């Protein structure tokens, strides 16, 4: 099964996007991991290395999709 990662910081834009993305992802094709960078600051470097520049962001098959704009990753840590 493919893995999907959804990075966010807990802001209202991020939370709304999380709810929509979590409901929209085909759970037959993707296992989704929700990563709240405000609570898991140790994963900010991981997100940067993948190419995440702002949150909320969805990563599918190592491709980063930035959704709307909640916060720049550089503002988080």
PDB file of N, CA and C in Angstrom:
ATOM      1  N   UNK A   1       0.852  -1.179   0.000  1.00  0.00           N
ATOM      2  CA  UNK A   1       0.000   0.000   0.000  1.00  0.00           C
ATOM      3  C   UNK A   1       0.896   1.240   0.000  1.00  0.00           C
ATOM      4  N   UNK A   2       0.484   2.248  -0.745  1.00  0.00           N
ATOM      5  CA  UNK A   2       1.206   3.520  -0.790  1.00  0.00           C
ATOM      6  C   UNK A   2       0.963   4.297   0.496  1.00  0.00           C
ATOM      7  N   UNK A   3       1.890   5.157   0.813  1.00  0.00           N
ATOM      8  CA  UNK A   3       1.789   5.973   2.022  1.00  0.00           C
ATOM      9  C   UNK A   3       1.582   7.436   1.622  1.00  0.00           C
ATOM     10  N   UNK A   4       0.685   8.104   2.303  1.00  0.00           N
ATOM     11  CA  UNK A   4       0.451   9.534   2.124  1.00  0.00           C
ATOM     12  C   UNK A   4       0.759  10.212   3.450  1.00  0.00           C
ATOM     13  N   UNK A   5       1.375  11.386   3.364  1.00  0.00           N
ATOM     14  CA  UNK A   5       1.701  12.163   4.554  1.00  0.00           C
ATOM     15  C   UNK A   5       1.012  13.511   4.446  1.00  0.00           C
ATOM     16  N   UNK A   6       0.356  13.919   5.508  1.00  0.00           N
ATOM     17  CA  UNK A   6      -0.281  15.222   5.546  1.00  0.00           C
ATOM     18  C   UNK A   6       0.349  15.994   6.687  1.00  0.00           C
ATOM     19  N   UNK A   7       1.096  17.040   6.331  1.00  0.00           N
ATOM     20  CA  UNK A   7       1.779  17.880   7.319  1.00  0.00           C
ATOM     21  C   UNK A   7       0.950  19.130   7.576  1.00  0.00           C
ATOM     22  N   UNK A   8       0.800  19.477   8.858  1.00  0.00           N
ATOM     23  CA  UNK A   8       0.108  20.718   9.199  1.00  0.00           C
ATOM     24  C   UNK A   8       0.599  21.238  10.533  1.00  0.00           C
ATOM     25  N   UNK A   9       0.165  22.439  10.881  1.00  0.00           N
ATOM     26  CA  UNK A   9       0.631  23.081  12.115  1.00  0.00           C
ATOM     27  C   UNK A   9      -0.501  23.371  13.095  1.00  0.00           C
ATOM     28  N   UNK A  10      -1.696  22.932  12.777  1.00  0.00           N
ATOM     29  CA  UNK A  10      -2.812  23.123  13.695  1.00  0.00           C
ATOM     30  C   UNK A  10      -3.591  24.412  13.520  1.00  0.00           C
ATOM     31  N   UNK A  11      -3.190  25.242  12.553  1.00  0.00           N
ATOM     32  CA  UNK A  11      -3.921  26.491  12.310  1.00  0.00           C
ATOM     33  C   UNK A  11      -5.295  26.172  11.698  1.00  0.00           C
ATOM     34  N   UNK A  12      -6.236  27.113  11.704  1.00  0.00           N
ATOM     35  CA  UNK A  12      -7.565  26.851  11.150  1.00  0.00           C
ATOM     36  C   UNK A  12      -7.535  26.385   9.693  1.00  0.00           C
ATOM     37  N   UNK A  13      -6.666  26.964   8.876  1.00  0.00           N
ATOM     38  CA  UNK A  13      -6.553  26.541   7.477  1.00  0.00           C
ATOM     39  C   UNK A  13      -6.105  25.082   7.416  1.00  0.00           C
ATOM     40  N   UNK A  14      -5.134  24.730   8.253  1.00  0.00           N
ATOM     41  CA  UNK A  14      -4.600  23.368   8.268  1.00  0.00           C
ATOM     42  C   UNK A  14      -5.640  22.352   8.732  1.00  0.00           C
ATOM     43  N   UNK A  15      -6.358  22.684   9.787  1.00  0.00           N
ATOM     44  CA  UNK A  15      -7.345  21.764  10.338  1.00  0.00           C
ATOM     45  C   UNK A  15      -8.467  21.512   9.323  1.00  0.00           C
ATOM     46  N   UNK A  16      -8.921  22.559   8.666  1.00  0.00           N
ATOM     47  CA  UNK A  16      -9.960  22.400   7.644  1.00  0.00           C
ATOM     48  C   UNK A  16      -9.455  21.526   6.500  1.00  0.00           C
ATOM     49  N   UNK A  17      -8.220  21.765   6.068  1.00  0.00           N
ATOM     50  CA  UNK A  17      -7.643  20.958   4.985  1.00  0.00           C
ATOM     51  C   UNK A  17      -7.449  19.513   5.430  1.00  0.00           C
ATOM     52  N   UNK A  18      -7.038  19.302   6.663  1.00  0.00           N
ATOM     53  CA  UNK A  18      -6.856  17.942   7.180  1.00  0.00           C
ATOM     54  C   UNK A  18      -8.153  17.154   7.089  1.00  0.00           C
ATOM     55  N   UNK A  19      -9.238  17.759   7.514  1.00  0.00           N
ATOM     56  CA  UNK A  19     -10.527  17.074   7.487  1.00  0.00           C
ATOM     57  C   UNK A  19     -10.934  16.724   6.066  1.00  0.00           C
ATOM     58  N   UNK A  20     -10.744  17.655   5.143  1.00  0.00           N
ATOM     59  CA  UNK A  20     -11.127  17.404   3.752  1.00  0.00           C
ATOM     60  C   UNK A  20     -10.233  16.345   3.110  1.00  0.00           C
ATOM     61  N   UNK A  21      -8.923  16.444   3.333  1.00  0.00           N
ATOM     62  CA  UNK A  21      -7.986  15.501   2.727  1.00  0.00           C
ATOM     63  C   UNK A  21      -8.174  14.106   3.308  1.00  0.00           C
ATOM     64  N   UNK A  22      -8.299  14.003   4.612  1.00  0.00           N
ATOM     65  CA  UNK A  22      -8.468  12.704   5.256  1.00  0.00           C
ATOM     66  C   UNK A  22      -9.711  11.993   4.727  1.00  0.00           C
ATOM     67  N   UNK A  23     -10.762  12.752   4.467  1.00  0.00           N
ATOM     68  CA  UNK A  23     -11.986  12.158   3.926  1.00  0.00           C
ATOM     69  C   UNK A  23     -11.861  11.818   2.441  1.00  0.00           C
ATOM     70  N   UNK A  24     -11.058  12.580   1.708  1.00  0.00           N
ATOM     71  CA  UNK A  24     -10.974  12.419   0.257  1.00  0.00           C
ATOM     72  C   UNK A  24      -9.989  11.338  -0.204  1.00  0.00           C
ATOM     73  N   UNK A  25      -8.976  11.057   0.591  1.00  0.00           N
ATOM     74  CA  UNK A  25      -7.952  10.080   0.191  1.00  0.00           C
ATOM     75  C   UNK A  25      -8.568   8.686   0.116  1.00  0.00           C
ATOM     76  N   UNK A  26      -8.279   7.982  -0.954  1.00  0.00           N
ATOM     77  CA  UNK A  26      -8.748   6.616  -1.144  1.00  0.00           C
ATOM     78  C   UNK A  26      -7.975   5.689  -0.203  1.00  0.00           C
ATOM     79  N   UNK A  27      -8.637   5.232   0.832  1.00  0.00           N
ATOM     80  CA  UNK A  27      -7.974   4.404   1.839  1.00  0.00           C
ATOM     81  C   UNK A  27      -7.659   2.996   1.339  1.00  0.00           C
ATOM     82  N   UNK A  28      -8.180   2.644   0.166  1.00  0.00           N
ATOM     83  CA  UNK A  28      -7.817   1.376  -0.471  1.00  0.00           C
ATOM     84  C   UNK A  28      -6.442   1.488  -1.126  1.00  0.00           C
ATOM     85  N   UNK A  29      -6.068   2.717  -1.506  1.00  0.00           N
ATOM     86  CA  UNK A  29      -4.804   2.953  -2.208  1.00  0.00           C
ATOM     87  C   UNK A  29      -3.718   3.545  -1.333  1.00  0.00           C
ATOM     88  N   UNK A  30      -4.111   4.319  -0.315  1.00  0.00           N
ATOM     89  CA  UNK A  30      -3.141   5.035   0.508  1.00  0.00           C
ATOM     90  C   UNK A  30      -3.417   4.860   1.985  1.00  0.00           C
ATOM     91  N   UNK A  31      -2.352   4.645   2.718  1.00  0.00           N
ATOM     92  CA  UNK A  31      -2.391   4.746   4.172  1.00  0.00           C
ATOM     93  C   UNK A  31      -1.930   6.166   4.476  1.00  0.00           C
ATOM     94  N   UNK A  32      -2.739   6.942   5.183  1.00  0.00           N
ATOM     95  CA  UNK A  32      -2.405   8.347   5.425  1.00  0.00           C
ATOM     96  C   UNK A  32      -1.906   8.539   6.858  1.00  0.00           C
ATOM     97  N   UNK A  33      -0.823   9.284   6.973  1.00  0.00           N
ATOM     98  CA  UNK A  33      -0.285   9.658   8.277  1.00  0.00           C
ATOM     99  C   UNK A  33      -0.426  11.165   8.417  1.00  0.00           C
ATOM    100  N   UNK A  34      -1.111  11.591   9.466  1.00  0.00           N
ATOM    101  CA  UNK A  34      -1.298  13.004   9.760  1.00  0.00           C
ATOM    102  C   UNK A  34      -0.179  13.434  10.708  1.00  0.00           C
ATOM    103  N   UNK A  35       0.568  14.463  10.326  1.00  0.00           N
ATOM    104  CA  UNK A  35       1.698  14.922  11.129  1.00  0.00           C
ATOM    105  C   UNK A  35       1.473  16.379  11.518  1.00  0.00           C
ATOM    106  N   UNK A  36       1.208  16.588  12.773  1.00  0.00           N
ATOM    107  CA  UNK A  36       0.972  17.928  13.336  1.00  0.00           C
ATOM    108  C   UNK A  36       2.331  18.450  13.779  1.00  0.00           C
ATOM    109  N   UNK A  37       2.923  19.330  12.985  1.00  0.00           N
ATOM    110  CA  UNK A  37       4.271  19.820  13.267  1.00  0.00           C
ATOM    111  C   UNK A  37       4.342  20.702  14.507  1.00  0.00           C
ATOM    112  N   UNK A  38       3.234  21.248  14.935  1.00  0.00           N
ATOM    113  CA  UNK A  38       3.207  21.997  16.180  1.00  0.00           C
ATOM    114  C   UNK A  38       3.393  21.082  17.380  1.00  0.00           C
ATOM    115  N   UNK A  39       2.937  19.847  17.259  1.00  0.00           N
ATOM    116  CA  UNK A  39       3.068  18.860  18.333  1.00  0.00           C
ATOM    117  C   UNK A  39       4.247  17.917  18.114  1.00  0.00           C
ATOM    118  N   UNK A  40       4.707  17.801  16.868  1.00  0.00           N
ATOM    119  CA  UNK A  40       5.809  16.908  16.527  1.00  0.00           C
ATOM    120  C   UNK A  40       6.919  17.715  15.841  1.00  0.00           C
ATOM    121  N   UNK A  41       7.438  18.696  16.554  1.00  0.00           N
ATOM    122  CA  UNK A  41       8.455  19.589  15.982  1.00  0.00           C
ATOM    123  C   UNK A  41       9.696  18.829  15.516  1.00  0.00           C
ATOM    124  N   UNK A  42       9.937  17.660  16.070  1.00  0.00           N
ATOM    125  CA  UNK A  42      11.099  16.867  15.668  1.00  0.00           C
ATOM    126  C   UNK A  42      11.001  16.405  14.212  1.00  0.00           C
ATOM    127  N   UNK A  43       9.823  16.513  13.616  1.00  0.00           N
ATOM    128  CA  UNK A  43       9.633  16.064  12.226  1.00  0.00           C
ATOM    129  C   UNK A  43       9.714  17.206  11.216  1.00  0.00           C
ATOM    130  N   UNK A  44      10.002  18.426  11.683  1.00  0.00           N
ATOM    131  CA  UNK A  44      10.124  19.568  10.769  1.00  0.00           C
ATOM    132  C   UNK A  44      11.259  19.341   9.785  1.00  0.00           C
ATOM    133  N   UNK A  45      12.394  18.847  10.250  1.00  0.00           N
ATOM    134  CA  UNK A  45      13.526  18.585   9.353  1.00  0.00           C
ATOM    135  C   UNK A  45      13.145  17.560   8.297  1.00  0.00           C
ATOM    136  N   UNK A  46      12.436  16.531   8.679  1.00  0.00           N
ATOM    137  CA  UNK A  46      11.950  15.516   7.730  1.00  0.00           C
ATOM    138  C   UNK A  46      11.103  16.182   6.648  1.00  0.00           C
ATOM    139  N   UNK A  47      10.180  17.039   7.071  1.00  0.00           N
ATOM    140  CA  UNK A  47       9.297  17.723   6.123  1.00  0.00           C
ATOM    141  C   UNK A  47      10.118  18.585   5.157  1.00  0.00           C
ATOM    142  N   UNK A  48      11.090  19.327   5.689  1.00  0.00           N
ATOM    143  CA  UNK A  48      11.946  20.161   4.836  1.00  0.00           C
ATOM    144  C   UNK A  48      12.703  19.322   3.828  1.00  0.00           C
ATOM    145  N   UNK A  49      13.234  18.182   4.279  1.00  0.00           N
ATOM    146  CA  UNK A  49      14.006  17.315   3.394  1.00  0.00           C
ATOM    147  C   UNK A  49      13.164  16.727   2.270  1.00  0.00           C
ATOM    148  N   UNK A  50      11.893  16.524   2.527  1.00  0.00           N
ATOM    149  CA  UNK A  50      10.987  16.011   1.495  1.00  0.00           C
ATOM    150  C   UNK A  50      10.657  17.098   0.474  1.00  0.00           C
ATOM    151  N   UNK A  51      10.719  18.366   0.902  1.00  0.00           N
ATOM    152  CA  UNK A  51      10.403  19.474   0.012  1.00  0.00           C
ATOM    153  C   UNK A  51       9.216  20.310   0.441  1.00  0.00           C
ATOM    154  N   UNK A  52       8.697  20.054   1.633  1.00  0.00           N
ATOM    155  CA  UNK A  52       7.584  20.838   2.153  1.00  0.00           C
ATOM    156  C   UNK A  52       8.097  22.243   2.474  1.00  0.00           C
ATOM    157  N   UNK A  53       7.419  23.252   1.936  1.00  0.00           N
ATOM    158  CA  UNK A  53       7.812  24.643   2.157  1.00  0.00           C
ATOM    159  C   UNK A  53       6.798  25.394   3.013  1.00  0.00           C
ATOM    160  N   UNK A  54       5.559  24.911   3.017  1.00  0.00           N
ATOM    161  CA  UNK A  54       4.513  25.519   3.828  1.00  0.00           C
ATOM    162  C   UNK A  54       3.492  24.443   4.177  1.00  0.00           C
ATOM    163  N   UNK A  55       2.709  24.748   5.180  1.00  0.00           N
ATOM    164  CA  UNK A  55       1.646  23.829   5.574  1.00  0.00           C
ATOM    165  C   UNK A  55       0.311  24.542   5.452  1.00  0.00           C
ATOM    166  N   UNK A  56      -0.722  23.803   5.146  1.00  0.00           N
ATOM    167  CA  UNK A  56      -0.805  22.362   5.022  1.00  0.00           C
ATOM    168  C   UNK A  56      -0.192  21.856   3.713  1.00  0.00           C
ATOM    169  N   UNK A  57       0.343  20.644   3.774  1.00  0.00           N
ATOM    170  CA  UNK A  57       0.934  20.023   2.588  1.00  0.00           C
ATOM    171  C   UNK A  57       0.649  18.524   2.616  1.00  0.00           C
ATOM    172  N   UNK A  58       0.376  18.004   1.446  1.00  0.00           N
ATOM    173  CA  UNK A  58       0.132  16.578   1.263  1.00  0.00           C
ATOM    174  C   UNK A  58       1.280  16.012   0.443  1.00  0.00           C
ATOM    175  N   UNK A  59       1.830  14.886   0.869  1.00  0.00           N
ATOM    176  CA  UNK A  59       2.902  14.226   0.133  1.00  0.00           C
ATOM    177  C   UNK A  59       2.401  12.858  -0.314  1.00  0.00           C
ATOM    178  N   UNK A  60       2.366  12.675  -1.629  1.00  0.00           N
ATOM    179  CA  UNK A  60       1.984  11.396  -2.226  1.00  0.00           C
ATOM    180  C   UNK A  60       3.108  10.945  -3.140  1.00  0.00           C
ATOM    181  N   UNK A  61       3.608   9.736  -2.936  1.00  0.00           N
ATOM    182  CA  UNK A  61       4.670   9.192  -3.789  1.00  0.00           C
ATOM    183  C   UNK A  61       5.834  10.168  -3.931  1.00  0.00           C
ATOM    184  N   UNK A  62       6.243  10.762  -2.815  1.00  0.00           N
ATOM    185  CA  UNK A  62       7.363  11.715  -2.760  1.00  0.00           C
ATOM    186  C   UNK A  62       7.113  13.008  -3.536  1.00  0.00           C
ATOM    187  N   UNK A  63       5.891  13.280  -3.904  1.00  0.00           N
ATOM    188  CA  UNK A  63       5.508  14.540  -4.557  1.00  0.00           C
ATOM    189  C   UNK A  63       4.784  15.394  -3.521  1.00  0.00           C
ATOM    190  N   UNK A  64       5.235  16.634  -3.377  1.00  0.00           N
ATOM    191  CA  UNK A  64       4.642  17.541  -2.392  1.00  0.00           C
ATOM    192  C   UNK A  64       3.572  18.397  -3.054  1.00  0.00           C
ATOM    193  N   UNK A  65       2.413  18.435  -2.434  1.00  0.00           N
ATOM    194  CA  UNK A  65       1.312  19.274  -2.894  1.00  0.00           C
ATOM    195  C   UNK A  65       0.979  20.248  -1.772  1.00  0.00           C
ATOM    196  N   UNK A  66       1.252  21.527  -2.008  1.00  0.00           N
ATOM    197  CA  UNK A  66       0.941  22.550  -1.012  1.00  0.00           C
ATOM    198  C   UNK A  66      -0.517  22.949  -1.173  1.00  0.00           C
ATOM    199  N   UNK A  67      -1.232  22.948  -0.073  1.00  0.00           N
ATOM    200  CA  UNK A  67      -2.669  23.210  -0.079  1.00  0.00           C
ATOM    201  C   UNK A  67      -2.914  24.537   0.618  1.00  0.00           C
ATOM    202  N   UNK A  68      -3.487  25.490  -0.109  1.00  0.00           N
ATOM    203  CA  UNK A  68      -3.776  26.796   0.475  1.00  0.00           C
ATOM    204  C   UNK A  68      -2.505  27.342   1.120  1.00  0.00           C
ATOM    205  N   UNK A  69      -2.596  28.112   2.160  1.00  0.00           N
ATOM    206  CA  UNK A  69      -1.416  28.581   2.878  1.00  0.00           C
ATOM    207  C   UNK A  69      -1.785  28.867   4.307  1.00  0.00           C
ATOM    208  N   UNK A  70      -1.216  28.085   5.209  1.00  0.00           N
ATOM    209  CA  UNK A  70      -1.445  28.298   6.631  1.00  0.00           C
ATOM    210  C   UNK A  70      -0.239  28.945   7.281  1.00  0.00           C
ATOM    211  N   UNK A  71       0.961  28.394   6.993  1.00  0.00           N
ATOM    212  CA  UNK A  71       2.190  28.917   7.580  1.00  0.00           C
ATOM    213  C   UNK A  71       3.384  28.402   6.779  1.00  0.00           C
ATOM    214  N   UNK A  72       4.404  29.234   6.698  1.00  0.00           N
ATOM    215  CA  UNK A  72       5.648  28.790   6.076  1.00  0.00           C
ATOM    216  C   UNK A  72       6.355  27.849   7.037  1.00  0.00           C
ATOM    217  N   UNK A  73       6.997  26.830   6.507  1.00  0.00           N
ATOM    218  CA  UNK A  73       7.704  25.875   7.352  1.00  0.00           C
ATOM    219  C   UNK A  73       8.819  26.563   8.131  1.00  0.00           C
ATOM    220  N   UNK A  74       9.411  27.561   7.537  1.00  0.00           N
ATOM    221  CA  UNK A  74      10.480  28.301   8.221  1.00  0.00           C
ATOM    222  C   UNK A  74       9.973  29.019   9.478  1.00  0.00           C
ATOM    223  N   UNK A  75       8.680  29.303   9.547  1.00  0.00           N
ATOM    224  CA  UNK A  75       8.096  29.931  10.735  1.00  0.00           C
ATOM    225  C   UNK A  75       7.909  28.942  11.882  1.00  0.00           C
ATOM    226  N   UNK A  76       7.969  27.649  11.573  1.00  0.00           N
ATOM    227  CA  UNK A  76       7.718  26.634  12.590  1.00  0.00           C
ATOM    228  C   UNK A  76       8.956  26.179  13.330  1.00  0.00           C
ATOM    229  N   UNK A  77      10.105  26.365  12.726  1.00  0.00           N
ATOM    230  CA  UNK A  77      11.285  25.896  13.439  1.00  0.00           C
ATOM    231  C   UNK A  77      12.538  25.987  12.716  1.00  0.00           C
TER     232      UNK A  77
END
